[in-house]
Protein backbone atom coordinates (compact mmCIF):
# COMPACT_ATOMS: atom_id res chain seq x y z
CA MET A 1 44.96 101.67 48.03
CA ALA A 2 48.25 99.92 47.78
CA PRO A 3 47.84 95.94 47.83
CA PRO A 4 48.43 93.97 50.93
CA PRO A 5 51.98 93.17 51.85
CA SER A 6 51.11 89.55 51.66
CA GLU A 7 50.00 89.71 47.88
CA ARG A 8 53.18 91.70 46.87
CA VAL A 9 55.54 89.17 48.81
CA LYS A 10 53.17 86.03 47.25
CA ALA A 11 53.72 87.32 44.09
CA ALA A 12 57.51 88.05 44.67
CA THR A 13 57.76 84.37 45.90
CA GLU A 14 56.25 82.92 42.47
CA VAL A 15 58.43 85.21 40.53
CA ALA A 16 61.54 84.20 42.25
CA ALA A 17 60.68 80.62 41.94
CA ARG A 18 60.55 80.72 38.10
CA LEU A 19 63.46 82.92 38.39
CA LYS A 20 65.52 80.14 39.76
CA ARG A 21 63.79 77.65 37.57
CA CYS A 22 64.81 79.51 34.49
CA LEU A 23 68.48 79.69 35.48
CA SER A 24 68.35 75.89 36.64
CA ILE A 25 67.47 74.98 32.97
CA PHE A 26 70.23 77.14 31.71
CA ARG A 27 72.66 75.35 33.70
CA LEU A 28 71.78 71.94 32.14
CA TYR A 29 70.95 73.11 28.55
CA LYS A 30 71.81 76.50 26.23
CA SER A 31 69.80 79.21 26.88
CA THR A 32 68.21 78.93 23.17
CA HIS A 33 67.21 75.16 24.08
CA ASP A 34 63.18 74.63 23.83
CA LEU A 35 63.12 73.97 27.67
CA SER A 36 64.91 77.30 28.17
CA VAL A 37 62.67 79.11 26.18
CA GLY A 38 59.62 77.42 27.87
CA ALA A 39 60.96 78.11 31.29
CA LEU A 40 61.43 81.87 30.22
CA ASP A 41 57.83 82.44 28.48
CA GLU A 42 56.51 81.16 31.85
CA LEU A 43 58.35 83.64 33.87
CA HIS A 44 57.21 86.46 31.65
CA GLN A 45 53.77 85.54 31.75
CA ASN A 46 53.40 84.94 35.66
CA ALA A 47 55.68 88.04 36.02
CA GLY A 48 53.61 90.18 33.86
CA LYS A 49 50.39 88.82 35.57
CA HIS A 50 51.54 90.27 38.95
CA LEU A 51 53.07 93.34 37.80
CA ALA A 52 49.67 94.40 35.87
CA SER A 53 47.99 94.41 39.41
CA LEU A 54 51.03 95.65 41.72
CA GLY A 55 52.96 98.01 39.54
CA SER A 56 56.30 96.48 40.63
CA ILE A 57 58.35 93.81 42.35
CA ARG A 58 61.37 94.41 44.21
CA PHE A 59 63.84 92.17 45.31
CA GLU A 60 66.52 92.80 47.85
CA VAL A 61 69.44 90.64 47.70
CA GLU A 62 71.28 89.29 50.53
CA ALA A 63 74.06 87.06 50.44
CA HIS A 64 72.00 83.54 50.86
CA ARG A 65 68.76 84.76 50.06
CA LEU A 66 66.23 87.13 48.00
CA LEU A 67 63.85 89.09 49.94
CA SER A 68 60.52 91.19 49.28
CA GLU A 69 59.52 93.94 52.11
CA GLU A 70 61.84 92.20 54.20
CA ASP A 71 60.28 88.75 53.83
CA PRO A 72 62.47 85.92 52.53
CA VAL A 73 60.91 84.78 49.08
CA LEU A 74 64.17 82.61 47.77
CA GLU A 75 66.86 81.20 50.05
CA ASP A 76 70.08 79.50 48.50
CA ASP A 77 73.35 78.18 49.80
CA GLY A 78 76.63 80.57 49.93
CA ARG A 79 78.53 78.61 47.30
CA ASP A 80 80.10 80.17 44.42
CA GLU A 81 77.74 78.97 41.94
CA SER A 82 74.62 80.18 44.14
CA ILE A 83 72.36 82.45 41.65
CA ILE A 84 71.99 84.95 44.71
CA MET A 85 75.43 85.02 45.89
CA ARG A 86 76.73 85.64 42.42
CA LEU A 87 74.55 89.01 42.35
CA TYR A 88 75.47 89.65 45.81
CA SER A 89 79.22 89.45 45.06
CA GLU A 90 78.86 91.84 42.07
CA GLY A 91 77.79 94.32 44.71
CA VAL A 92 73.67 94.20 43.79
CA LEU A 93 71.56 95.95 46.48
CA ALA A 94 68.09 95.13 45.13
CA ILE A 95 66.43 94.21 41.63
CA THR A 96 63.01 95.88 40.48
CA PHE A 97 60.77 94.74 37.83
CA HIS A 98 58.22 97.06 36.61
CA LYS A 99 54.82 97.11 34.94
CA GLY A 100 55.06 96.71 31.39
CA ILE A 101 58.31 94.68 30.76
CA GLU A 102 58.67 92.86 27.53
CA ARG A 103 59.76 89.28 27.22
CA ALA A 104 63.09 90.53 25.26
CA GLU A 105 64.13 92.72 27.78
CA LEU A 106 63.31 90.20 30.66
CA ALA A 107 65.49 87.87 28.56
CA ARG A 108 68.32 89.82 28.19
CA TYR A 109 68.63 90.40 31.75
CA VAL A 110 68.22 86.88 32.70
CA GLU A 111 70.84 85.95 30.28
CA PHE A 112 73.17 88.43 31.68
CA TRP A 113 72.72 86.55 35.14
CA TRP A 114 73.31 83.56 33.70
CA GLN A 115 76.48 84.70 31.99
CA ALA A 116 77.75 85.92 35.46
CA LEU A 117 76.82 82.82 37.12
CA SER A 118 78.51 80.52 34.56
CA GLY A 119 81.57 82.41 34.57
CA ALA A 120 80.89 83.44 30.60
CA LEU A 121 81.88 87.25 31.42
CA THR A 122 85.68 87.85 31.03
CA GLY A 123 88.04 90.90 30.64
CA GLU A 124 86.32 94.22 31.51
CA HIS A 125 82.63 92.70 31.58
CA SER A 126 80.75 92.09 34.68
CA PHE A 127 77.14 91.66 35.41
CA SER A 128 77.14 95.59 36.89
CA THR A 129 78.80 96.73 33.67
CA LEU A 130 76.22 94.76 31.17
CA VAL A 131 73.54 96.27 33.03
CA TRP A 132 74.62 99.66 33.10
CA GLU A 133 75.45 99.48 29.54
CA GLU A 134 71.98 97.90 28.34
CA GLU A 135 69.96 100.64 30.08
CA PHE A 136 67.32 98.35 30.98
CA LYS A 137 63.58 100.41 31.05
CA ALA A 138 61.44 98.26 33.20
CA VAL A 139 64.02 96.52 35.10
CA GLU A 140 65.95 98.67 37.81
CA THR A 141 69.15 97.37 39.45
CA GLU A 142 70.37 99.16 42.53
CA PHE A 143 73.87 98.76 43.92
CA ARG A 144 75.42 98.70 47.36
CA GLU A 145 77.33 101.96 48.47
CA ARG A 146 80.91 101.73 49.87
CA LEU A 147 79.65 102.20 53.15
CA GLU A 148 77.39 99.62 54.60
CA LEU A 149 74.61 100.29 57.18
CA SER A 150 75.69 99.04 60.80
CA ASP A 151 73.66 96.50 62.16
CA GLY A 152 71.87 99.22 64.67
CA ASP A 153 70.71 101.18 61.65
CA LYS A 154 69.67 98.15 59.92
CA SER A 155 67.32 97.20 63.13
CA ASP A 156 66.16 100.81 63.42
CA ARG A 157 65.07 100.66 59.56
CA ALA A 158 63.31 97.36 59.92
CA ASN A 159 61.58 98.46 63.32
CA ALA A 160 60.19 101.61 61.54
CA ARG A 161 58.96 99.60 58.65
CA LYS A 162 57.09 97.27 60.89
CA ALA A 163 55.44 100.06 62.76
CA ILE A 164 54.35 101.74 59.51
CA LEU A 165 52.57 98.37 58.25
CA GLU A 166 51.10 97.95 61.94
CA ALA A 167 49.69 101.45 61.61
CA ALA A 168 48.25 100.65 58.03
CA ASN A 169 46.58 97.44 59.41
CA ALA A 170 45.06 98.75 62.29
CA ALA A 171 43.73 101.62 59.87
CA GLY A 172 42.11 99.08 57.50
CA LEU A 173 44.72 99.22 54.90
CA GLY A 174 46.55 96.08 55.35
CA SER A 175 45.09 92.24 55.22
CA ALA A 176 44.31 91.87 58.66
CA ALA A 177 42.10 94.80 59.60
CA ALA A 178 41.22 95.28 63.29
CA GLY A 179 37.46 94.83 65.24
CA ARG A 180 36.20 91.39 63.79
CA ALA A 181 37.13 89.17 66.85
CA ALA A 182 33.67 90.19 68.55
CA THR A 183 31.63 87.98 65.77
CA ASP A 184 33.70 84.89 65.56
CA LYS A 185 31.92 82.70 68.08
CA ALA A 186 28.48 83.52 66.52
CA HIS A 187 30.01 82.80 63.07
CA LEU A 188 31.56 79.45 64.18
CA GLU A 189 28.07 78.51 65.99
CA LYS A 190 26.36 78.95 62.42
CA LEU A 191 28.67 77.11 60.62
CA ALA A 192 28.51 74.07 62.74
CA ALA A 193 24.74 74.47 62.64
CA LEU A 194 24.82 74.59 59.04
CA VAL A 195 27.01 71.68 58.54
CA ALA A 196 24.71 69.33 61.23
CA ALA A 197 21.64 70.02 58.94
CA PRO A 198 20.51 66.77 57.32
CA ASP A 199 18.98 68.64 54.46
CA LEU A 200 21.84 70.37 52.90
CA ALA A 201 21.32 72.28 49.90
CA LEU A 202 23.63 74.16 47.65
CA ALA A 203 21.67 76.77 45.76
CA ALA A 204 22.72 80.05 44.76
CA PRO A 205 23.75 82.60 46.03
CA GLY A 206 25.38 79.54 48.00
CA PRO A 207 24.61 78.19 51.60
CA LEU A 208 27.43 80.66 53.35
CA GLU A 209 25.62 83.88 52.27
CA ALA A 210 22.26 82.18 52.73
CA LYS A 211 22.76 81.40 56.53
CA ASP A 212 24.61 84.87 57.02
CA VAL A 213 28.10 82.84 57.60
CA ARG A 214 30.14 86.03 55.84
CA PHE A 215 33.83 85.07 56.40
CA GLY A 216 35.17 88.29 55.54
CA ASP A 217 33.77 89.68 58.61
CA ALA A 218 35.11 87.13 61.16
CA ASP A 219 38.92 86.29 62.26
CA LEU A 220 40.15 83.40 60.13
CA GLU A 221 42.40 82.35 63.32
CA VAL A 222 39.43 81.97 65.71
CA LEU A 223 37.41 79.73 63.24
CA LYS A 224 40.56 77.68 62.56
CA ARG A 225 40.86 77.10 66.34
CA GLY A 226 37.31 76.36 66.74
CA LEU A 227 37.36 73.99 63.90
CA ALA A 228 40.49 72.06 65.18
CA ASP A 229 38.61 71.08 68.27
CA ALA A 230 35.88 69.25 66.42
CA LYS A 231 37.69 66.43 64.93
CA GLU A 232 34.92 63.88 65.01
CA PRO A 233 32.67 66.06 62.04
CA ALA A 234 36.31 67.33 60.46
CA PRO A 235 35.36 65.31 57.07
CA ARG A 236 31.61 66.22 57.03
CA ILE A 237 33.14 69.98 57.54
CA LEU A 238 35.59 69.57 55.14
CA HIS A 239 32.93 68.03 52.53
CA PHE A 240 30.96 70.84 53.11
CA LEU A 241 33.30 73.68 52.85
CA TRP A 242 34.40 71.85 49.26
CA LYS A 243 30.90 72.12 47.96
CA SER A 244 30.65 75.72 49.00
CA LEU A 245 33.75 76.89 47.25
CA PRO A 246 32.04 77.21 43.90
CA TYR A 247 30.16 79.81 45.55
CA ALA A 248 32.97 82.07 46.80
CA ALA A 249 33.58 85.44 44.65
CA ASP A 250 37.12 84.39 44.12
CA PRO A 251 37.96 80.77 44.87
CA GLN A 252 41.86 81.09 44.66
CA ARG A 253 41.64 83.90 47.51
CA SER A 254 38.56 82.92 49.40
CA PRO A 255 38.62 82.27 53.22
CA VAL A 256 36.70 79.48 52.37
CA LEU A 257 39.78 77.85 50.93
CA GLU A 258 41.88 78.76 53.97
CA LEU A 259 39.35 76.94 56.26
CA ILE A 260 39.49 73.74 53.72
CA GLU A 261 43.16 73.89 53.94
CA HIS A 262 43.29 74.12 57.87
CA VAL A 263 40.76 71.06 58.15
CA TYR A 264 42.69 69.04 55.76
CA MET A 265 45.95 69.82 57.88
CA ALA A 266 44.04 68.23 61.12
CA LEU A 267 43.15 65.40 59.21
CA LEU A 268 46.55 64.67 58.32
CA ASP A 269 47.61 64.79 61.91
CA ALA A 270 44.40 62.70 62.99
CA PRO A 271 45.43 59.25 64.65
CA THR A 272 44.00 56.83 62.18
CA LEU A 273 44.08 56.06 58.45
CA SER A 274 40.42 55.90 58.35
CA GLU A 275 39.66 59.54 58.72
CA LEU A 276 41.54 60.64 55.90
CA GLU A 277 40.27 58.12 53.79
CA ARG A 278 36.73 58.88 54.78
CA ALA A 279 37.46 62.67 53.74
CA LEU A 280 38.86 61.93 50.26
CA THR A 281 36.20 58.97 49.39
CA ARG A 282 33.34 61.42 50.29
CA VAL A 283 34.79 64.52 48.20
CA ARG A 284 35.75 61.93 45.50
CA SER A 285 32.55 60.91 45.23
CA ASP A 286 30.57 63.64 45.21
CA ALA A 287 33.02 66.23 43.21
CA PRO A 288 32.16 67.48 39.98
CA GLY A 289 33.85 65.69 37.60
CA GLY A 290 35.13 63.21 39.50
CA GLY A 291 39.04 62.56 39.90
CA ALA A 292 40.07 65.59 38.08
CA ARG A 293 38.08 67.78 40.67
CA LEU A 294 39.63 66.04 43.33
CA GLU A 295 43.26 66.75 42.28
CA GLU A 296 41.84 70.48 41.81
CA PHE A 297 40.92 70.33 45.31
CA LEU A 298 44.06 68.81 46.67
CA ASP A 299 46.33 70.45 44.72
CA PRO A 300 46.59 73.73 46.55
CA LEU A 301 46.28 71.93 49.68
CA CYS A 302 49.26 69.55 49.50
CA LYS A 303 51.74 72.30 48.19
CA GLN A 304 51.71 73.08 52.40
CA ALA A 305 50.71 70.14 53.66
CA PRO A 306 53.15 67.88 55.93
CA ILE A 307 53.16 65.02 53.20
CA ASP A 308 56.08 63.24 54.77
CA ARG A 309 54.15 62.36 57.60
CA ILE A 310 50.86 61.19 55.81
CA SER A 311 53.07 59.24 52.92
CA ALA A 312 55.27 57.51 55.71
CA LYS A 313 52.28 56.41 57.65
CA LEU A 314 50.63 55.11 53.87
CA ALA A 315 53.75 54.04 52.66
CA SER A 316 54.33 51.59 55.42
CA SER A 317 51.37 49.42 54.20
CA GLU A 318 51.31 47.84 50.70
CA SER A 319 47.68 47.74 50.92
CA ASP A 320 45.56 48.68 48.06
CA ARG A 321 43.69 51.26 50.49
CA ALA A 322 46.95 53.04 51.04
CA LYS A 323 48.02 52.78 47.42
CA SER A 324 45.01 54.09 46.26
CA ILE A 325 44.91 57.10 48.91
CA LEU A 326 48.47 58.18 47.71
CA GLU A 327 47.64 57.73 44.31
CA ALA A 328 44.83 60.40 44.86
CA LEU A 329 47.29 63.16 45.76
CA PRO A 330 47.73 65.50 43.26
CA ASP A 331 51.10 66.04 41.24
CA SER A 332 52.29 68.64 43.54
CA VAL A 333 53.34 65.88 46.16
CA VAL A 334 56.00 64.72 43.48
CA PRO A 335 58.93 66.83 45.08
CA SER A 336 58.01 65.42 48.38
CA LEU A 337 57.95 61.88 47.18
CA VAL A 338 61.17 62.01 44.96
CA ALA A 339 63.06 63.55 48.36
CA LYS A 340 61.98 60.69 50.30
CA LEU A 341 63.64 58.05 47.95
CA ALA A 342 66.99 58.41 49.49
CA ARG A 343 66.32 57.97 52.98
CA VAL A 344 63.46 55.29 53.21
CA PRO A 345 64.03 51.48 53.23
CA ALA A 346 63.46 49.34 50.23
CA ASN A 347 60.02 48.30 50.91
CA GLU A 348 58.72 52.05 51.16
CA ARG A 349 60.77 53.28 47.99
CA ARG A 350 58.82 50.66 46.13
CA LEU A 351 55.55 52.03 46.95
CA LEU A 352 56.89 55.44 46.44
CA LEU A 353 58.06 54.44 42.84
CA ALA A 354 54.73 53.29 42.06
CA ILE A 355 53.06 56.27 43.01
CA LEU A 356 55.75 58.28 41.08
CA ARG A 357 55.04 56.31 38.09
CA SER A 358 51.22 57.45 38.22
CA LYS A 359 52.19 61.28 38.57
CA LYS A 360 52.63 63.72 35.67
CA ILE A 361 55.36 66.17 35.83
CA GLN A 362 56.49 68.26 33.10
CA SER A 363 60.19 67.66 31.74
CA ASP A 364 61.26 71.49 32.69
CA GLU A 365 59.70 71.05 36.25
CA PHE A 366 61.39 67.79 36.49
CA ALA A 367 64.82 69.43 35.83
CA PHE A 368 64.02 72.37 38.43
CA LEU A 369 63.07 69.44 40.77
CA LEU A 370 66.59 67.60 40.21
CA GLN A 371 68.51 70.96 40.46
CA ASP A 372 66.51 71.66 43.92
CA LEU A 373 67.13 68.25 45.43
CA GLY A 374 70.71 67.62 43.84
CA PRO A 375 72.57 65.13 41.68
CA SER A 376 72.31 62.56 44.69
CA ILE A 377 68.76 61.83 44.22
CA ALA A 378 69.64 60.34 40.54
CA PRO A 379 70.46 56.89 41.45
CA HIS A 380 67.22 56.52 43.14
CA LEU A 381 65.32 57.95 40.13
CA PHE A 382 67.05 55.88 37.90
CA GLU A 383 64.70 52.87 39.04
CA LEU A 384 62.20 54.60 37.07
CA VAL A 385 63.60 54.87 33.83
CA THR A 386 61.57 52.38 32.10
CA SER A 387 58.58 54.55 32.71
CA PHE A 388 60.06 57.89 32.09
CA SER A 389 59.67 59.79 28.46
CA PRO A 390 62.46 60.99 26.53
CA ASP A 391 62.62 64.29 27.72
CA HIS A 392 62.65 63.40 31.30
CA LEU A 393 65.27 60.65 30.86
CA ASP A 394 67.51 63.42 29.41
CA VAL A 395 67.06 65.81 32.19
CA LEU A 396 67.79 62.91 34.41
CA ILE A 397 70.99 61.94 32.48
CA ARG A 398 72.41 65.27 32.21
CA MET A 399 71.65 65.99 36.11
CA ALA A 400 73.42 62.67 36.89
CA LEU A 401 76.36 63.55 34.64
CA SER A 402 77.05 66.65 36.49
CA SER A 403 77.18 65.07 39.92
CA ASP A 404 80.40 64.89 41.94
CA ASP A 405 80.13 61.36 42.68
CA PRO A 406 81.81 59.04 40.10
CA GLY A 407 79.04 56.40 41.13
CA VAL A 408 76.32 58.54 39.93
CA ARG A 409 78.29 59.76 37.01
CA ALA A 410 78.91 56.10 35.85
CA LYS A 411 75.21 54.89 36.61
CA SER A 412 73.91 57.80 34.07
CA MET A 413 76.09 56.67 31.48
CA SER A 414 74.31 53.26 31.67
CA ALA A 415 71.26 54.76 30.81
CA ILE A 416 72.44 56.43 27.19
CA ARG A 417 71.57 54.74 24.42
CA PRO A 418 74.43 54.41 21.62
CA GLU A 419 73.19 56.84 19.04
CA LYS A 420 72.37 59.44 21.76
CA VAL A 421 76.07 59.54 23.08
CA LEU A 422 77.09 62.60 20.97
CA ASP A 423 74.42 64.24 22.36
CA TYR A 424 76.14 64.38 25.66
CA ARG A 425 79.55 64.54 24.70
CA ALA A 426 80.71 67.85 26.61
CA LEU A 427 79.07 66.18 30.11
CA ILE A 428 81.10 62.93 29.32
CA LEU A 429 84.62 63.98 28.16
CA PRO A 430 85.63 65.37 31.94
CA ALA A 431 84.99 61.52 33.02
CA LEU A 432 88.00 60.61 30.60
CA THR A 433 90.65 61.94 32.75
CA HIS A 434 88.74 61.50 36.13
CA GLU A 435 90.69 59.86 39.02
CA ASP A 436 88.07 56.86 39.15
CA ALA A 437 89.12 54.32 37.01
CA ARG A 438 85.74 52.68 36.73
CA LEU A 439 84.41 56.10 35.73
CA ARG A 440 87.02 56.55 32.97
CA GLU A 441 86.56 52.96 31.47
CA THR A 442 82.56 53.61 31.14
CA ALA A 443 83.14 56.78 29.86
CA VAL A 444 85.65 55.15 27.03
CA GLY A 445 83.35 52.26 26.58
CA LEU A 446 80.53 54.46 25.94
CA PHE A 447 81.98 56.22 23.16
CA VAL A 448 83.29 52.75 21.61
CA ARG A 449 79.54 51.36 22.11
CA ALA A 450 78.57 53.95 20.04
CA LYS A 451 81.06 53.37 17.23
CA SER A 452 81.43 57.00 17.11
CA PRO A 453 84.59 58.26 15.25
CA ASP A 454 84.87 60.57 18.08
CA ALA A 455 86.12 57.69 20.16
CA ILE A 456 89.41 57.30 18.96
CA GLU A 457 90.08 61.02 20.12
CA MET A 458 88.37 60.20 23.37
CA LEU A 459 90.95 57.42 23.37
CA GLU A 460 94.01 59.52 22.78
CA VAL A 461 92.66 61.97 25.71
CA VAL A 462 92.92 59.09 28.20
CA LEU A 463 96.45 58.06 26.81
CA ARG A 464 97.57 61.68 27.14
CA ALA A 465 96.28 61.73 30.38
CA GLY A 466 99.22 60.09 31.98
CA PRO A 467 99.66 57.01 34.33
CA ALA A 468 96.82 54.91 35.04
CA PRO A 469 96.24 51.32 36.43
CA ALA A 470 97.80 48.95 33.86
CA ALA A 471 94.54 46.46 33.80
CA SER A 472 92.40 49.64 32.88
CA ARG A 473 94.80 51.30 30.29
CA ALA A 474 95.29 47.59 28.86
CA GLN A 475 91.73 48.31 27.61
CA ILE A 476 92.41 50.76 25.35
CA PRO A 477 94.31 48.72 22.53
CA ARG A 478 91.32 46.66 22.38
CA MET A 479 89.00 49.39 22.08
CA LEU A 480 90.71 51.20 19.49
CA ALA A 481 91.06 48.19 17.26
CA THR A 482 87.42 47.73 17.26
CA PHE A 483 87.36 50.94 14.79
CA ALA A 484 90.08 49.30 12.27
CA THR A 485 91.05 52.83 10.63
CA PRO A 486 94.51 54.08 10.02
CA ARG A 487 94.78 56.32 13.10
CA ALA A 488 93.49 53.79 15.37
CA LEU A 489 95.93 51.15 14.23
CA HIS A 490 98.69 53.78 14.56
CA LEU A 491 97.89 54.37 18.09
CA VAL A 492 97.65 50.57 19.12
CA GLU A 493 101.20 50.12 17.29
CA GLY A 494 102.58 52.87 19.06
CA LEU A 495 101.38 51.49 22.57
CA LEU A 496 103.23 47.97 21.17
CA GLU A 497 106.39 49.93 20.64
CA ASP A 498 106.45 52.09 23.51
CA THR A 499 109.01 50.31 26.11
CA ASP A 500 107.77 52.61 28.89
CA GLU A 501 104.31 51.33 28.87
CA PRO A 502 103.44 48.40 31.03
CA ALA A 503 103.87 44.92 29.65
CA GLU A 504 100.33 44.33 30.24
CA VAL A 505 99.68 47.09 28.05
CA ARG A 506 102.02 46.33 25.24
CA SER A 507 100.62 42.59 25.53
CA ALA A 508 97.13 43.81 25.01
CA ALA A 509 98.45 45.83 22.01
CA ALA A 510 99.93 42.88 20.29
CA SER A 511 96.70 41.00 20.89
CA ALA A 512 94.55 43.53 19.11
CA LEU A 513 96.83 43.53 16.23
CA SER A 514 96.58 39.82 15.72
CA VAL A 515 93.94 40.36 12.92
CA PHE A 516 95.18 43.23 10.94
CA GLU A 517 97.74 42.04 8.17
CA ALA A 518 99.21 45.70 8.07
CA ALA A 519 100.65 45.35 11.37
CA ARG A 520 102.96 42.28 10.64
CA PRO A 521 105.98 44.37 10.28
CA VAL A 522 105.63 46.23 13.62
CA LEU A 523 104.62 42.54 15.46
CA LYS A 524 107.70 41.28 13.65
CA ARG A 525 109.83 43.85 14.90
CA VAL A 526 109.19 44.05 18.37
CA HIS A 527 109.32 40.52 18.59
CA ARG A 528 112.76 40.24 17.16
CA ARG A 529 114.00 42.65 20.01
CA ARG A 530 116.83 40.44 22.23
CA PHE A 531 116.29 42.50 24.98
CA GLY A 532 112.44 43.01 25.15
CA ASP A 533 110.21 42.07 27.77
CA PRO A 534 109.69 38.22 26.87
CA SER A 535 105.95 38.31 27.99
CA VAL A 536 105.49 41.22 25.25
CA ARG A 537 107.67 39.06 22.86
CA ASP A 538 105.71 35.89 23.31
CA ALA A 539 102.40 38.03 22.77
CA CYS A 540 103.81 39.47 19.45
CA LYS A 541 104.82 35.66 18.25
CA THR A 542 100.99 34.41 18.99
CA ALA A 543 99.76 37.38 17.16
CA LEU A 544 102.02 36.70 14.30
CA ASP A 545 100.83 32.94 14.45
CA LYS A 546 97.25 34.02 14.20
CA LEU A 547 97.89 36.28 11.17
CA ASP A 548 99.36 32.87 9.58
CA ASP A 549 96.43 31.06 10.07
CA LEU A 550 94.11 33.92 8.78
CA ALA A 551 95.90 33.63 5.59
CA LYS A 552 96.12 30.32 5.22
CA LYS A 553 92.48 30.52 5.48
CA ARG A 554 92.21 33.19 2.91
CA ALA A 555 94.08 31.60 0.65
CA LEU A 556 92.06 28.38 0.70
């Protein structure tokens, strides 16, 4: 019997998310980087697990989203760099991954996708031609025909598919078999009586089975509605269901877990903080394994929970109680907390930053998170810089350097240690010719502080870029002079003698040469020019006087 559509869509959603993660990390690093290799390994393992039971996973490609069985599993914007739009523009209609796909084959396919996305394909090559030439065995790519279906045809096809699925469900072949509602009320009454029992004991085969509360025979939606009305005993019901979960045949897919999630969601909407605290405290005190078990319990629930509401309520208080409850939340809340940083008041942001410091998140997950939220979040994350691991800081810097905002890019450069500057060379170079003067100065200063020979080349790039504010350009001679190499001094001398340069720049060049005896002839030549700029001639005279003083000191 074919798996229920919901299982296939769920699997497709997981695989799509990991595909996006791979391509996001490829964007920041090369495909051979350790983070990229790790992301690809995770994608292959996840896809292989689902394909082993499903046989295949098919993604339909629209302009802004991927679908599985007509349900959206990944949505993206319509920009040219969109990972979905890139395939759509290549004429891709659908992609199907089949059981038995090897890692090497998956890696080649993702690499082709990345090459198409990054613009690396030129000439006669395109994503479609590469796919045709490669002849993948376990990946099938369908392309759109020249004649597109009309809107009416698409609607008819969707309605026909919906009718087929409804017929399958009615026959008991889908995920929502019919004929279960009659027992719902009785099951709910049994559950309520069981929870109220003072001598609650958890002995195999478990209280649910022992009391004939078999959730597989009941409609979960009706049970949820009944539990929603029982707000007062909600924490006790939550506690009971949590203790019953280990007895479920498959805890990851158990209806019990769905009921736990529902009660937990109801608690988040409760009017008082005490109910949430009471529920968490009860679970924390009784859960086997302590805090680790608590996180295991909360993790799948918080992925769907309205974290914005609860964190806003708790973050409005600086109390230890509020902080302890937020810290009890699992690492899965990190994306929601990070997303809030950019839009909350300073006092609330301080609490959120404190919570984030207590969370654990892998650097590849962090890269995926930043790619999802965009570079605008980077300035707020730099407040965490002292508690970041080197890998996390590396991801943050790369993301911020890719921003369109000059302020964000300049902020990221301030976090780069001198010995690490060359690691980011390719990302810093564009800043040297940026229209924003502050960003240019920051980029140049970064190479100078690193005392990298490459800085001389970088400064030449800035000089060749054309006119710039004189105050900004006047910094270059001083920077070049710090290297004291023949090439650097030659550039400074050129600035001094170039009459097209502003007087402020030429005077700065003369001052920079005031410690180099080899520059004496150039300084004299410019100083003696009868029709030269007076301020430049004065700067040369001052530089020559300093050289004389240095010569006298050396002679002593």
